[in-house]
Every structure is written in C-alpha cells, then in structure tokens.
N, C-alpha and C. Protein backbone atom coordinates (compact mmCIF):
# COMPACT_ATOMS: atom_id res chain seq x y z
N MET A 1 96.05 101.88 78.71
CA MET A 1 95.71 100.85 79.42
C MET A 1 94.39 100.17 78.74
N THR A 2 94.52 98.81 78.88
CA THR A 2 93.02 97.67 78.76
C THR A 2 92.15 98.03 79.80
N LEU A 3 90.86 97.54 79.19
CA LEU A 3 89.92 97.36 80.32
C LEU A 3 89.95 96.15 81.29
N VAL A 4 90.78 95.32 80.77
CA VAL A 4 91.26 94.01 81.53
C VAL A 4 92.20 94.38 82.71
N GLY A 5 93.20 95.39 82.11
CA GLY A 5 94.49 95.81 83.05
C GLY A 5 93.46 96.86 84.05
N LEU A 6 92.54 97.86 83.75
CA LEU A 6 91.88 98.28 84.94
C LEU A 6 90.74 97.44 85.40
N LYS A 7 90.26 96.71 85.12
CA LYS A 7 89.49 95.94 86.08
C LYS A 7 90.19 95.04 86.92
N LYS A 8 91.54 94.57 86.59
CA LYS A 8 92.76 94.26 87.70
C LYS A 8 92.85 95.18 88.73
N ILE A 9 93.29 96.12 87.95
CA ILE A 9 93.83 97.42 89.47
C ILE A 9 92.33 97.63 90.35
N LEU A 10 91.52 97.76 89.83
CA LEU A 10 90.16 97.79 90.77
C LEU A 10 90.05 96.57 91.70
N ARG A 11 89.90 95.40 91.05
CA ARG A 11 89.97 94.44 91.82
C ARG A 11 91.04 94.23 93.13
N GLU A 12 92.25 94.70 92.79
CA GLU A 12 93.41 94.54 93.80
C GLU A 12 92.89 95.96 94.78
N ILE A 13 92.49 96.82 94.48
CA ILE A 13 92.52 98.21 95.23
C ILE A 13 91.10 98.45 95.98
N HIS A 14 90.15 97.27 95.81
CA HIS A 14 88.95 96.74 96.87
C HIS A 14 89.04 95.54 97.35
N SER A 15 90.05 94.94 97.27
CA SER A 15 89.97 93.89 97.72
C SER A 15 91.22 93.73 99.42
N GLU A 16 90.37 92.67 100.23
CA GLU A 16 91.34 92.62 101.47
C GLU A 16 92.62 92.21 101.26
N PRO A 17 93.36 92.56 101.94
CA PRO A 17 94.88 92.20 101.79
C PRO A 17 95.23 90.89 102.15
N GLY A 18 95.98 90.15 101.78
CA GLY A 18 96.44 88.77 101.89
C GLY A 18 96.20 87.87 100.47
N PRO A 19 96.17 86.21 100.77
CA PRO A 19 96.15 85.29 99.58
C PRO A 19 94.96 85.41 99.24
N ASN A 20 93.84 85.34 100.03
CA ASN A 20 92.54 85.22 99.17
C ASN A 20 91.91 86.40 98.47
N GLY A 21 91.98 87.51 98.75
CA GLY A 21 91.59 88.68 98.15
C GLY A 21 90.06 89.05 97.80
N THR A 22 89.67 88.65 99.07
CA THR A 22 88.07 88.96 98.98
C THR A 22 87.74 90.08 98.78
N LEU A 23 86.55 90.83 98.29
CA LEU A 23 86.33 92.32 98.01
C LEU A 23 86.20 92.52 99.35
N SER A 24 86.14 94.10 99.62
CA SER A 24 86.16 94.37 101.13
C SER A 24 84.72 95.26 100.83
N TRP A 25 83.75 95.15 101.62
CA TRP A 25 82.63 95.91 102.00
C TRP A 25 83.01 97.55 102.16
N GLY A 26 84.05 97.76 103.28
CA GLY A 26 84.58 99.13 103.23
C GLY A 26 85.34 99.73 102.45
N ARG A 27 86.23 99.12 101.43
CA ARG A 27 86.63 99.49 100.54
C ARG A 27 85.88 99.88 99.40
N CYS A 28 84.70 99.23 98.95
CA CYS A 28 84.11 99.43 97.93
C CYS A 28 83.06 100.66 98.42
N ALA A 29 82.66 100.69 99.46
CA ALA A 29 81.33 101.53 100.19
C ALA A 29 82.26 103.06 99.89
N SER A 30 83.49 103.17 100.49
CA SER A 30 84.32 103.98 100.35
C SER A 30 84.58 104.76 99.15
N SER A 31 84.78 104.18 98.10
CA SER A 31 85.06 104.34 96.78
C SER A 31 83.71 105.13 96.05
N LEU A 32 82.64 104.23 96.20
CA LEU A 32 81.80 104.73 95.94
C LEU A 32 81.07 106.22 96.56
N SER A 33 81.36 106.09 97.69
CA SER A 33 80.95 107.43 98.47
C SER A 33 81.98 108.79 98.09
N LEU A 34 82.96 108.09 98.16
CA LEU A 34 84.15 109.39 97.42
C LEU A 34 83.66 109.94 96.18
N VAL A 35 83.37 108.94 95.31
CA VAL A 35 83.15 109.20 93.83
C VAL A 35 81.50 110.10 93.93
N SER A 36 80.59 109.69 94.56
CA SER A 36 79.39 110.36 94.79
C SER A 36 79.69 111.97 94.80
N GLY A 37 80.35 111.79 96.46
CA GLY A 37 80.66 113.33 96.70
C GLY A 37 81.29 114.03 95.93
N ILE A 38 82.51 113.42 95.12
CA ILE A 38 82.82 114.47 93.97
C ILE A 38 82.05 114.94 92.88
N ILE A 39 80.96 113.92 92.64
CA ILE A 39 80.06 114.44 91.70
C ILE A 39 79.57 115.36 92.15
N TRP A 40 78.77 115.03 93.00
CA TRP A 40 78.18 116.58 93.94
C TRP A 40 78.45 117.35 93.99
N VAL A 41 79.79 117.77 94.58
CA VAL A 41 80.73 118.92 94.82
C VAL A 41 80.56 119.70 93.17
N SER A 42 81.03 118.81 92.46
CA SER A 42 81.47 119.46 91.40
C SER A 42 80.00 119.91 90.58
N HIS A 43 78.65 118.97 90.55
CA HIS A 43 77.56 119.93 90.26
C HIS A 43 77.12 121.24 90.70
N ILE A 44 77.67 121.03 92.21
CA ILE A 44 76.99 122.28 92.43
C ILE A 44 78.06 123.41 92.57
N LEU A 45 79.21 123.49 92.35
CA LEU A 45 80.02 123.93 92.01
C LEU A 45 79.91 124.61 90.37
N VAL A 46 79.33 123.88 89.69
CA VAL A 46 79.25 124.21 88.12
C VAL A 46 77.97 124.85 88.09
N HIS A 47 77.11 124.74 88.49
CA HIS A 47 75.63 125.37 88.72
C HIS A 47 75.43 126.90 89.43
N THR A 48 76.20 126.86 90.53
CA THR A 48 76.17 127.85 91.27
C THR A 48 77.30 128.68 91.68
N HIS A 49 78.26 128.18 90.57
CA HIS A 49 79.55 128.95 90.77
C HIS A 49 79.85 129.48 92.32
N GLY A 50 79.92 128.43 93.18
CA GLY A 50 80.06 128.26 94.59
C GLY A 50 80.50 127.12 95.11
N LEU A 51 81.18 126.88 96.31
CA LEU A 51 81.38 125.77 96.99
C LEU A 51 80.47 125.77 98.03
N PRO A 52 79.94 124.69 98.03
CA PRO A 52 78.82 124.35 98.95
C PRO A 52 79.30 124.16 100.49
N ALA A 53 78.62 123.93 101.65
CA ALA A 53 79.22 123.32 102.81
C ALA A 53 79.38 122.23 102.96
N LEU A 54 80.88 121.49 103.22
CA LEU A 54 81.26 120.73 103.12
C LEU A 54 81.06 119.77 104.35
N ASP A 55 80.63 120.08 105.34
CA ASP A 55 80.42 119.09 106.22
C ASP A 55 79.55 117.98 106.00
N GLY A 56 78.66 118.35 105.33
CA GLY A 56 77.57 116.70 104.88
C GLY A 56 78.26 115.99 104.27
N VAL A 57 79.08 116.42 102.93
CA VAL A 57 79.39 115.61 102.07
C VAL A 57 80.87 115.33 102.44
N THR A 58 81.71 115.69 103.41
CA THR A 58 82.44 115.16 104.17
C THR A 58 81.97 113.97 105.40
N ALA A 59 81.41 114.11 106.16
CA ALA A 59 80.76 112.88 106.55
C ALA A 59 80.03 111.98 105.80
N PHE A 60 79.35 111.91 104.65
CA PHE A 60 78.96 111.06 103.95
C PHE A 60 79.78 110.21 103.10
N THR A 61 81.16 111.07 103.03
CA THR A 61 82.41 110.17 102.37
C THR A 61 83.16 109.34 103.23
N LEU A 62 83.19 109.89 104.49
CA LEU A 62 83.80 109.25 105.41
C LEU A 62 83.18 108.22 106.47
N ALA A 63 81.93 108.01 106.26
CA ALA A 63 81.05 107.29 107.08
C ALA A 63 81.30 105.53 106.55
N PRO A 64 81.54 105.15 105.51
CA PRO A 64 82.08 103.73 105.70
C PRO A 64 83.34 103.30 105.84
N TYR A 65 84.21 104.57 105.50
CA TYR A 65 85.36 103.98 105.89
C TYR A 65 86.01 103.99 107.37
N ALA A 66 85.07 104.99 108.21
CA ALA A 66 85.02 104.68 109.51
C ALA A 66 84.49 103.63 110.12
N SER A 67 83.21 103.38 109.52
CA SER A 67 82.62 101.99 110.29
C SER A 67 83.47 100.84 109.84
N ASN A 68 84.12 100.51 108.97
CA ASN A 68 85.05 99.37 108.56
C ASN A 68 86.08 99.44 109.82
N LYS A 69 86.65 100.60 109.73
CA LYS A 69 87.62 100.24 110.54
C LYS A 69 87.54 100.36 112.05
N ILE A 70 85.94 101.04 112.82
CA ILE A 70 85.74 100.65 113.91
C ILE A 70 85.58 99.40 114.16
N THR A 71 84.92 98.54 113.51
CA THR A 71 84.74 97.27 113.20
C THR A 71 85.64 96.64 113.67
N THR A 72 87.10 96.79 112.70
CA THR A 72 88.17 96.40 112.77
C THR A 72 88.98 96.31 113.79
N ALA A 73 88.56 97.73 114.63
CA ALA A 73 89.39 97.93 115.91
C ALA A 73 88.61 96.96 116.84
N ALA A 74 87.30 97.08 116.96
CA ALA A 74 86.78 96.37 117.92
C ALA A 74 87.08 94.81 117.87
N GLN A 75 87.09 94.24 116.18
CA GLN A 75 87.56 92.98 116.26
C GLN A 75 88.82 92.53 116.78
N SER A 76 89.73 93.64 116.91
CA SER A 76 91.11 93.31 117.38
C SER A 76 91.30 93.35 118.83
N PHE A 77 90.15 93.94 119.44
CA PHE A 77 90.24 93.37 121.03
C PHE A 77 89.63 92.53 121.55
N SER A 78 88.71 91.56 120.84
CA SER A 78 88.16 90.44 120.87
C SER A 78 89.46 89.50 121.17
N ASN A 79 88.68 88.43 122.35
CA ASN A 79 89.84 87.07 122.83
C ASN A 79 89.61 86.16 121.94
N SER A 80 88.60 86.03 120.97
CA SER A 80 89.01 84.57 119.69
C SER A 80 90.12 84.77 119.01
N THR A 81 90.60 83.64 118.79
CA THR A 81 91.55 83.29 117.88
C THR A 81 91.16 82.78 116.86
N GLN A 82 91.39 82.71 115.33
CA GLN A 82 91.08 82.60 114.09
C GLN A 82 92.09 81.62 113.78
C-alpha cells in the first residue's frame, strides 16, 4: 500500500457520508482518542505486566463519539429543514 492510498483510505474513513465529504470532528476525535487509549493501555501493560482499570480509558475513548451522536440526535428532533 502506498502513502497516497493510505491517505485516501484515512480521508474516506474520517469524512461525512455524502457527496461533499467534509471531515467529521467526531470521527477524527474518536480515532485520536482510540489510538491514545490503545497506546496508554499498552504502555501500562508493558511496564507493570498487569491490566489497568479500564473505566477511565473507556470513557475517554467513547466521549467524542458519544458527544457527536448526541448532537446528531438532537438535530434530528429539530423542526428546521435544510
């Protein structure tokens, strides 16, 4: 896989569905927090040889996705049409 191909795949994953394909804050933030959580748990696991409590890292990882979905759900109940 080339760098251009990887860039195209990442752009497609982090874009809103539709013809305009703008970047989605929720998708980018979720990916960043997921990678950060994986790195943090892996770091703790390597250094202590024990699994840390996962409640905090789970909340950190899911927060951007959940906030984006709550906003989308709230907008779907609004009476305005676009």
